[in-house]
Every structure is written in structure tokens, then in C-alpha cells.
């Protein structure tokens, strides 16, 4: 039995909230590219809803990161501060 290839992920345009979220996680090393996609989605969801915390969004993503979750949160938070998204 064969399996289908995963659906392609279309990048968001310009300075949308989604493009900022996915850019915030783009430099984080993960086991597979789709781990970063899941992480980016959860960061976007956190930014758009404002519920829970960034730490919870990273944990909920379930991404297989090659760094600690704390380090990933720190990197994401630093990127978002640089973009003026956080105080």
C-alpha cells in the first residue's frame, strides 16, 4: 500500500499575521519541515486568539524540536519583539 504525499503548504503574503508567525519559527531546528509548520500554525493561533500562553502554544504543537521548548519559546518571543508584536 502506498501513501499520498502531504499537502503542500502555501506561504502567506507579506506582513500578515500568518507570515509573521511562520517566519518566527523558520529558524528553529526540527526533525521534519512539517514540525515547523505545526509550530507556526500554533503560534499563529496564539497570536490571533490571545488565549493561553506562547509556552502552551509551543507545547500544543507537539513539534519534534532539536532544541528545548524553552529555547524555542525564547527565540520566537525575541523575533516577535523585533517585529513589534510583543512588548
PDB file of N, CA and C in Angstrom:
ATOM      1  N   UNK A   1       0.845  -1.167   0.000  1.00  0.00           N
ATOM      2  CA  UNK A   1       0.000   0.000   0.000  1.00  0.00           C
ATOM      3  C   UNK A   1       0.898   1.240   0.000  1.00  0.00           C
ATOM      4  N   UNK A   2       0.540   2.206  -0.790  1.00  0.00           N
ATOM      5  CA  UNK A   2       1.303   3.451  -0.827  1.00  0.00           C
ATOM      6  C   UNK A   2       0.520   4.555  -0.133  1.00  0.00           C
ATOM      7  N   UNK A   3       1.230   5.575   0.212  1.00  0.00           N
ATOM      8  CA  UNK A   3       0.580   6.729   0.824  1.00  0.00           C
ATOM      9  C   UNK A   3       0.778   7.945  -0.061  1.00  0.00           C
ATOM     10  N   UNK A   4      -0.108   8.877   0.072  1.00  0.00           N
ATOM     11  CA  UNK A   4      -0.006  10.107  -0.699  1.00  0.00           C
ATOM     12  C   UNK A   4       0.989  11.053  -0.042  1.00  0.00           C
ATOM     13  N   UNK A   5       1.556  11.911  -0.856  1.00  0.00           N
ATOM     14  CA  UNK A   5       2.447  12.944  -0.324  1.00  0.00           C
ATOM     15  C   UNK A   5       1.618  13.938   0.483  1.00  0.00           C
ATOM     16  N   UNK A   6       2.230  14.589   1.480  1.00  0.00           N
ATOM     17  CA  UNK A   6       1.476  15.564   2.264  1.00  0.00           C
ATOM     18  C   UNK A   6       1.057  16.754   1.406  1.00  0.00           C
ATOM     19  N   UNK A   7      -0.001  17.396   1.817  1.00  0.00           N
ATOM     20  CA  UNK A   7      -0.479  18.572   1.107  1.00  0.00           C
ATOM     21  C   UNK A   7       0.573  19.668   1.180  1.00  0.00           C
ATOM     22  N   UNK A   8       0.735  20.410   0.095  1.00  0.00           N
ATOM     23  CA  UNK A   8       1.723  21.498   0.140  1.00  0.00           C
ATOM     24  C   UNK A   8       1.234  22.637   1.026  1.00  0.00           C
ATOM     25  N   UNK A   9       2.177  23.328   1.622  1.00  0.00           N
ATOM     26  CA  UNK A   9       1.858  24.469   2.467  1.00  0.00           C
ATOM     27  C   UNK A   9       2.151  25.720   1.661  1.00  0.00           C
ATOM     28  N   UNK A  10       1.146  26.552   1.493  1.00  0.00           N
ATOM     29  CA  UNK A  10       1.325  27.787   0.736  1.00  0.00           C
ATOM     30  C   UNK A  10       1.702  28.908   1.701  1.00  0.00           C
ATOM     31  N   UNK A  11       2.839  29.569   1.456  1.00  0.00           N
ATOM     32  CA  UNK A  11       3.240  30.652   2.360  1.00  0.00           C
ATOM     33  C   UNK A  11       2.297  31.849   2.245  1.00  0.00           C
ATOM     34  N   UNK A  12       2.082  32.501   3.373  1.00  0.00           N
ATOM     35  CA  UNK A  12       1.237  33.695   3.389  1.00  0.00           C
ATOM     36  C   UNK A  12       2.005  34.864   2.789  1.00  0.00           C
ATOM     37  N   UNK A  13       1.282  35.850   2.333  1.00  0.00           N
ATOM     38  CA  UNK A  13       1.906  37.002   1.696  1.00  0.00           C
ATOM     39  C   UNK A  13       2.300  38.072   2.710  1.00  0.00           C
ATOM     40  N   UNK A  14       3.429  38.720   2.432  1.00  0.00           N
ATOM     41  CA  UNK A  14       3.835  39.944   3.115  1.00  0.00           C
ATOM     42  C   UNK A  14       3.857  39.935   4.612  1.00  0.00           C
ATOM     43  N   UNK A  15       3.181  40.895   5.194  1.00  0.00           N
ATOM     44  CA  UNK A  15       3.238  41.106   6.637  1.00  0.00           C
ATOM     45  C   UNK A  15       1.962  40.655   7.341  1.00  0.00           C
ATOM     46  N   UNK A  16       1.335  39.635   6.839  1.00  0.00           N
ATOM     47  CA  UNK A  16       0.151  39.128   7.507  1.00  0.00           C
ATOM     48  C   UNK A  16       0.548  38.463   8.817  1.00  0.00           C
ATOM     49  N   UNK A  17      -0.394  38.281   9.689  1.00  0.00           N
ATOM     50  CA  UNK A  17      -0.140  37.643  10.968  1.00  0.00           C
ATOM     51  C   UNK A  17       0.411  36.234  10.763  1.00  0.00           C
ATOM     52  N   UNK A  18      -0.121  35.538   9.761  1.00  0.00           N
ATOM     53  CA  UNK A  18       0.353  34.181   9.480  1.00  0.00           C
ATOM     54  C   UNK A  18       1.808  34.179   9.022  1.00  0.00           C
ATOM     55  N   UNK A  19       2.175  35.106   8.150  1.00  0.00           N
ATOM     56  CA  UNK A  19       3.558  35.118   7.668  1.00  0.00           C
ATOM     57  C   UNK A  19       4.527  35.460   8.797  1.00  0.00           C
ATOM     58  N   UNK A  20       4.119  36.321   9.713  1.00  0.00           N
ATOM     59  CA  UNK A  20       4.964  36.657  10.860  1.00  0.00           C
ATOM     60  C   UNK A  20       5.127  35.436  11.764  1.00  0.00           C
ATOM     61  N   UNK A  21       4.042  34.715  12.004  1.00  0.00           N
ATOM     62  CA  UNK A  21       4.098  33.525  12.856  1.00  0.00           C
ATOM     63  C   UNK A  21       5.004  32.459  12.259  1.00  0.00           C
ATOM     64  N   UNK A  22       4.862  32.207  10.970  1.00  0.00           N
ATOM     65  CA  UNK A  22       5.689  31.178  10.331  1.00  0.00           C
ATOM     66  C   UNK A  22       7.142  31.620  10.228  1.00  0.00           C
ATOM     67  N   UNK A  23       7.388  32.912  10.029  1.00  0.00           N
ATOM     68  CA  UNK A  23       8.765  33.418   9.992  1.00  0.00           C
ATOM     69  C   UNK A  23       9.412  33.307  11.369  1.00  0.00           C
ATOM     70  N   UNK A  24       8.615  33.459  12.422  1.00  0.00           N
ATOM     71  CA  UNK A  24       9.142  33.382  13.786  1.00  0.00           C
ATOM     72  C   UNK A  24       9.682  31.999  14.111  1.00  0.00           C
ATOM     73  N   UNK A  25       9.163  30.976  13.463  1.00  0.00           N
ATOM     74  CA  UNK A  25       9.608  29.612  13.753  1.00  0.00           C
ATOM     75  C   UNK A  25      10.522  29.047  12.675  1.00  0.00           C
ATOM     76  N   UNK A  26      10.776  29.814  11.626  1.00  0.00           N
ATOM     77  CA  UNK A  26      11.523  29.274  10.487  1.00  0.00           C
ATOM     78  C   UNK A  26      12.953  28.861  10.826  1.00  0.00           C
ATOM     79  N   UNK A  27      13.584  29.487  11.787  1.00  0.00           N
ATOM     80  CA  UNK A  27      14.962  29.143  12.126  1.00  0.00           C
ATOM     81  C   UNK A  27      15.098  28.109  13.223  1.00  0.00           C
ATOM     82  N   UNK A  28      13.997  27.579  13.689  1.00  0.00           N
ATOM     83  CA  UNK A  28      14.040  26.611  14.781  1.00  0.00           C
ATOM     84  C   UNK A  28      14.253  25.213  14.203  1.00  0.00           C
ATOM     85  N   UNK A  29      15.317  24.530  14.632  1.00  0.00           N
ATOM     86  CA  UNK A  29      15.589  23.199  14.077  1.00  0.00           C
ATOM     87  C   UNK A  29      14.575  22.174  14.567  1.00  0.00           C
ATOM     88  N   UNK A  30      14.038  21.432  13.610  1.00  0.00           N
ATOM     89  CA  UNK A  30      13.048  20.405  13.927  1.00  0.00           C
ATOM     90  C   UNK A  30      13.355  19.150  13.127  1.00  0.00           C
ATOM     91  N   UNK A  31      12.758  18.046  13.535  1.00  0.00           N
ATOM     92  CA  UNK A  31      13.013  16.766  12.881  1.00  0.00           C
ATOM     93  C   UNK A  31      12.561  16.774  11.420  1.00  0.00           C
ATOM     94  N   UNK A  32      11.433  17.388  11.127  1.00  0.00           N
ATOM     95  CA  UNK A  32      10.898  17.446   9.769  1.00  0.00           C
ATOM     96  C   UNK A  32      10.291  18.821   9.519  1.00  0.00           C
ATOM     97  N   UNK A  33      10.211  19.229   8.245  1.00  0.00           N
ATOM     98  CA  UNK A  33       9.618  20.544   7.936  1.00  0.00           C
ATOM     99  C   UNK A  33       8.187  20.703   8.451  1.00  0.00           C
ATOM    100  N   UNK A  34       7.415  19.632   8.448  1.00  0.00           N
ATOM    101  CA  UNK A  34       6.030  19.749   8.903  1.00  0.00           C
ATOM    102  C   UNK A  34       5.932  19.991  10.406  1.00  0.00           C
ATOM    103  N   UNK A  35       6.992  19.662  11.145  1.00  0.00           N
ATOM    104  CA  UNK A  35       7.014  20.013  12.561  1.00  0.00           C
ATOM    105  C   UNK A  35       7.026  21.530  12.705  1.00  0.00           C
ATOM    106  N   UNK A  36       7.796  22.211  11.857  1.00  0.00           N
ATOM    107  CA  UNK A  36       7.822  23.677  11.878  1.00  0.00           C
ATOM    108  C   UNK A  36       6.486  24.247  11.413  1.00  0.00           C
ATOM    109  N   UNK A  37       5.844  23.580  10.461  1.00  0.00           N
ATOM    110  CA  UNK A  37       4.530  24.034  10.008  1.00  0.00           C
ATOM    111  C   UNK A  37       3.518  23.977  11.144  1.00  0.00           C
ATOM    112  N   UNK A  38       3.533  22.872  11.895  1.00  0.00           N
ATOM    113  CA  UNK A  38       2.612  22.746  13.042  1.00  0.00           C
ATOM    114  C   UNK A  38       2.921  23.801  14.095  1.00  0.00           C
ATOM    115  N   UNK A  39       4.204  24.027  14.329  1.00  0.00           N
ATOM    116  CA  UNK A  39       4.604  25.032  15.306  1.00  0.00           C
ATOM    117  C   UNK A  39       4.164  26.418  14.845  1.00  0.00           C
ATOM    118  N   UNK A  40       4.377  26.727  13.578  1.00  0.00           N
ATOM    119  CA  UNK A  40       3.955  28.021  13.031  1.00  0.00           C
ATOM    120  C   UNK A  40       2.462  28.223  13.139  1.00  0.00           C
ATOM    121  N   UNK A  41       1.698  27.167  12.863  1.00  0.00           N
ATOM    122  CA  UNK A  41       0.241  27.259  12.969  1.00  0.00           C
ATOM    123  C   UNK A  41      -0.176  27.573  14.399  1.00  0.00           C
ATOM    124  N   UNK A  42       0.439  26.895  15.361  1.00  0.00           N
ATOM    125  CA  UNK A  42       0.067  27.129  16.756  1.00  0.00           C
ATOM    126  C   UNK A  42       0.487  28.509  17.243  1.00  0.00           C
ATOM    127  N   UNK A  43       1.604  29.018  16.744  1.00  0.00           N
ATOM    128  CA  UNK A  43       2.000  30.388  17.088  1.00  0.00           C
ATOM    129  C   UNK A  43       1.009  31.369  16.462  1.00  0.00           C
ATOM    130  N   UNK A  44       0.615  31.127  15.221  1.00  0.00           N
ATOM    131  CA  UNK A  44      -0.389  31.986  14.571  1.00  0.00           C
ATOM    132  C   UNK A  44      -1.692  31.974  15.359  1.00  0.00           C
ATOM    133  N   UNK A  45      -2.123  30.782  15.765  1.00  0.00           N
ATOM    134  CA  UNK A  45      -3.374  30.669  16.531  1.00  0.00           C
ATOM    135  C   UNK A  45      -3.269  31.424  17.847  1.00  0.00           C
ATOM    136  N   UNK A  46      -2.114  31.333  18.494  1.00  0.00           N
ATOM    137  CA  UNK A  46      -1.905  32.062  19.742  1.00  0.00           C
ATOM    138  C   UNK A  46      -1.942  33.564  19.504  1.00  0.00           C
ATOM    139  N   UNK A  47      -1.286  34.031  18.441  1.00  0.00           N
ATOM    140  CA  UNK A  47      -1.288  35.465  18.136  1.00  0.00           C
ATOM    141  C   UNK A  47      -2.686  35.971  17.789  1.00  0.00           C
ATOM    142  N   UNK A  48      -3.463  35.174  17.073  1.00  0.00           N
ATOM    143  CA  UNK A  48      -4.766  35.642  16.615  1.00  0.00           C
ATOM    144  C   UNK A  48      -5.849  35.545  17.678  1.00  0.00           C
ATOM    145  N   UNK A  49      -5.704  34.628  18.628  1.00  0.00           N
ATOM    146  CA  UNK A  49      -6.740  34.498  19.649  1.00  0.00           C
ATOM    147  C   UNK A  49      -6.342  35.124  20.973  1.00  0.00           C
ATOM    148  N   UNK A  50      -5.047  35.138  21.259  1.00  0.00           N
ATOM    149  CA  UNK A  50      -4.581  35.710  22.521  1.00  0.00           C
ATOM    150  C   UNK A  50      -4.893  34.871  23.738  1.00  0.00           C
ATOM    151  N   UNK A  51      -5.299  33.639  23.536  1.00  0.00           N
ATOM    152  CA  UNK A  51      -5.597  32.773  24.675  1.00  0.00           C
ATOM    153  C   UNK A  51      -4.357  31.992  25.068  1.00  0.00           C
ATOM    154  N   UNK A  52      -4.374  31.452  26.258  1.00  0.00           N
ATOM    155  CA  UNK A  52      -3.275  30.655  26.804  1.00  0.00           C
ATOM    156  C   UNK A  52      -1.978  31.457  26.806  1.00  0.00           C
ATOM    157  N   UNK A  53      -0.877  30.806  26.524  1.00  0.00           N
ATOM    158  CA  UNK A  53       0.428  31.461  26.516  1.00  0.00           C
ATOM    159  C   UNK A  53       1.242  30.925  25.344  1.00  0.00           C
ATOM    160  N   UNK A  54       2.329  31.598  25.058  1.00  0.00           N
ATOM    161  CA  UNK A  54       3.212  31.132  23.993  1.00  0.00           C
ATOM    162  C   UNK A  54       3.798  29.771  24.354  1.00  0.00           C
ATOM    163  N   UNK A  55       4.123  29.599  25.611  1.00  0.00           N
ATOM    164  CA  UNK A  55       4.649  28.304  26.067  1.00  0.00           C
ATOM    165  C   UNK A  55       3.646  27.184  25.791  1.00  0.00           C
ATOM    166  N   UNK A  56       2.382  27.456  26.063  1.00  0.00           N
ATOM    167  CA  UNK A  56       1.336  26.458  25.817  1.00  0.00           C
ATOM    168  C   UNK A  56       1.182  26.187  24.321  1.00  0.00           C
ATOM    169  N   UNK A  57       1.301  27.215  23.495  1.00  0.00           N
ATOM    170  CA  UNK A  57       1.194  27.040  22.042  1.00  0.00           C
ATOM    171  C   UNK A  57       2.312  26.148  21.517  1.00  0.00           C
ATOM    172  N   UNK A  58       3.524  26.341  22.025  1.00  0.00           N
ATOM    173  CA  UNK A  58       4.658  25.516  21.600  1.00  0.00           C
ATOM    174  C   UNK A  58       4.452  24.076  22.043  1.00  0.00           C
ATOM    175  N   UNK A  59       3.983  23.906  23.268  1.00  0.00           N
ATOM    176  CA  UNK A  59       3.741  22.552  23.780  1.00  0.00           C
ATOM    177  C   UNK A  59       2.626  21.861  22.998  1.00  0.00           C
ATOM    178  N   UNK A  60       1.548  22.583  22.693  1.00  0.00           N
ATOM    179  CA  UNK A  60       0.407  22.027  21.979  1.00  0.00           C
ATOM    180  C   UNK A  60       0.779  21.596  20.560  1.00  0.00           C
ATOM    181  N   UNK A  61       1.741  22.283  19.955  1.00  0.00           N
ATOM    182  CA  UNK A  61       2.146  21.948  18.584  1.00  0.00           C
ATOM    183  C   UNK A  61       2.659  20.517  18.496  1.00  0.00           C
ATOM    184  N   UNK A  62       3.279  20.038  19.536  1.00  0.00           N
ATOM    185  CA  UNK A  62       3.803  18.679  19.515  1.00  0.00           C
ATOM    186  C   UNK A  62       4.917  18.492  18.495  1.00  0.00           C
ATOM    187  N   UNK A  63       5.587  19.578  18.144  1.00  0.00           N
ATOM    188  CA  UNK A  63       6.665  19.507  17.157  1.00  0.00           C
ATOM    189  C   UNK A  63       7.884  18.820  17.770  1.00  0.00           C
ATOM    190  N   UNK A  64       8.534  18.009  16.965  1.00  0.00           N
ATOM    191  CA  UNK A  64       9.746  17.317  17.412  1.00  0.00           C
ATOM    192  C   UNK A  64      10.929  18.247  17.164  1.00  0.00           C
ATOM    193  N   UNK A  65      11.204  19.059  18.161  1.00  0.00           N
ATOM    194  CA  UNK A  65      12.245  20.065  18.053  1.00  0.00           C
ATOM    195  C   UNK A  65      13.604  19.482  18.432  1.00  0.00           C
ATOM    196  N   UNK A  66      14.655  20.019  17.835  1.00  0.00           N
ATOM    197  CA  UNK A  66      16.012  19.592  18.156  1.00  0.00           C
ATOM    198  C   UNK A  66      16.629  20.480  19.226  1.00  0.00           C
ATOM    199  N   UNK A  67      15.829  21.405  19.759  1.00  0.00           N
ATOM    200  CA  UNK A  67      16.231  22.254  20.877  1.00  0.00           C
ATOM    201  C   UNK A  67      15.141  22.145  21.929  1.00  0.00           C
ATOM    202  N   UNK A  68      15.400  22.682  23.109  1.00  0.00           N
ATOM    203  CA  UNK A  68      14.394  22.607  24.165  1.00  0.00           C
ATOM    204  C   UNK A  68      13.212  23.529  23.842  1.00  0.00           C
ATOM    205  N   UNK A  69      12.063  23.217  24.420  1.00  0.00           N
ATOM    206  CA  UNK A  69      10.884  24.068  24.229  1.00  0.00           C
ATOM    207  C   UNK A  69      11.146  25.465  24.779  1.00  0.00           C
ATOM    208  N   UNK A  70      11.880  25.561  25.882  1.00  0.00           N
ATOM    209  CA  UNK A  70      12.190  26.859  26.467  1.00  0.00           C
ATOM    210  C   UNK A  70      13.030  27.708  25.519  1.00  0.00           C
ATOM    211  N   UNK A  71      13.995  27.084  24.865  1.00  0.00           N
ATOM    212  CA  UNK A  71      14.825  27.801  23.899  1.00  0.00           C
ATOM    213  C   UNK A  71      13.987  28.239  22.695  1.00  0.00           C
ATOM    214  N   UNK A  72      13.095  27.366  22.248  1.00  0.00           N
ATOM    215  CA  UNK A  72      12.222  27.712  21.116  1.00  0.00           C
ATOM    216  C   UNK A  72      11.329  28.895  21.478  1.00  0.00           C
ATOM    217  N   UNK A  73      10.752  28.881  22.669  1.00  0.00           N
ATOM    218  CA  UNK A  73       9.903  29.991  23.122  1.00  0.00           C
ATOM    219  C   UNK A  73      10.711  31.280  23.157  1.00  0.00           C
ATOM    220  N   UNK A  74      11.941  31.203  23.653  1.00  0.00           N
ATOM    221  CA  UNK A  74      12.799  32.381  23.708  1.00  0.00           C
ATOM    222  C   UNK A  74      13.087  32.950  22.324  1.00  0.00           C
ATOM    223  N   UNK A  75      13.377  32.080  21.372  1.00  0.00           N
ATOM    224  CA  UNK A  75      13.645  32.525  20.000  1.00  0.00           C
ATOM    225  C   UNK A  75      12.405  33.147  19.356  1.00  0.00           C
ATOM    226  N   UNK A  76      11.260  32.515  19.558  1.00  0.00           N
ATOM    227  CA  UNK A  76      10.010  33.034  18.979  1.00  0.00           C
ATOM    228  C   UNK A  76       9.675  34.386  19.604  1.00  0.00           C
ATOM    229  N   UNK A  77       9.792  34.461  20.919  1.00  0.00           N
ATOM    230  CA  UNK A  77       9.489  35.708  21.624  1.00  0.00           C
ATOM    231  C   UNK A  77      10.411  36.841  21.160  1.00  0.00           C
ATOM    232  N   UNK A  78      11.703  36.548  20.974  1.00  0.00           N
ATOM    233  CA  UNK A  78      12.659  37.566  20.508  1.00  0.00           C
ATOM    234  C   UNK A  78      12.297  38.038  19.104  1.00  0.00           C
ATOM    235  N   UNK A  79      11.913  37.132  18.230  1.00  0.00           N
ATOM    236  CA  UNK A  79      11.525  37.517  16.866  1.00  0.00           C
ATOM    237  C   UNK A  79      10.292  38.399  16.886  1.00  0.00           C
ATOM    238  N   UNK A  80       9.301  37.998  17.682  1.00  0.00           N
ATOM    239  CA  UNK A  80       8.049  38.767  17.738  1.00  0.00           C
ATOM    240  C   UNK A  80       8.282  40.141  18.353  1.00  0.00           C
ATOM    241  N   UNK A  81       9.169  40.250  19.320  1.00  0.00           N
ATOM    242  CA  UNK A  81       9.507  41.569  19.881  1.00  0.00           C
ATOM    243  C   UNK A  81      10.161  42.435  18.820  1.00  0.00           C
ATOM    244  N   UNK A  82      11.038  41.849  18.020  1.00  0.00           N
ATOM    245  CA  UNK A  82      11.692  42.580  16.959  1.00  0.00           C
ATOM    246  C   UNK A  82      10.726  43.105  15.910  1.00  0.00           C
ATOM    247  N   UNK A  83       9.608  42.407  15.728  1.00  0.00           N
ATOM    248  CA  UNK A  83       8.583  42.820  14.780  1.00  0.00           C
ATOM    249  C   UNK A  83       7.540  43.741  15.426  1.00  0.00           C
ATOM    250  N   UNK A  84       7.710  44.025  16.717  1.00  0.00           N
ATOM    251  CA  UNK A  84       6.765  44.910  17.401  1.00  0.00           C
ATOM    252  C   UNK A  84       5.466  44.223  17.793  1.00  0.00           C
ATOM    253  N   UNK A  85       5.463  42.902  17.807  1.00  0.00           N
ATOM    254  CA  UNK A  85       4.258  42.164  18.153  1.00  0.00           C
ATOM    255  C   UNK A  85       4.091  41.978  19.664  1.00  0.00           C
ATOM    256  N   UNK A  86       5.185  42.065  20.397  1.00  0.00           N
ATOM    257  CA  UNK A  86       5.164  41.906  21.853  1.00  0.00           C
ATOM    258  C   UNK A  86       5.859  43.096  22.487  1.00  0.00           C
ATOM    259  N   UNK A  87       5.525  43.338  23.743  1.00  0.00           N
ATOM    260  CA  UNK A  87       6.171  44.429  24.476  1.00  0.00           C
ATOM    261  C   UNK A  87       7.426  43.970  25.127  1.00  0.00           C
TER     262      UNK A  87
END
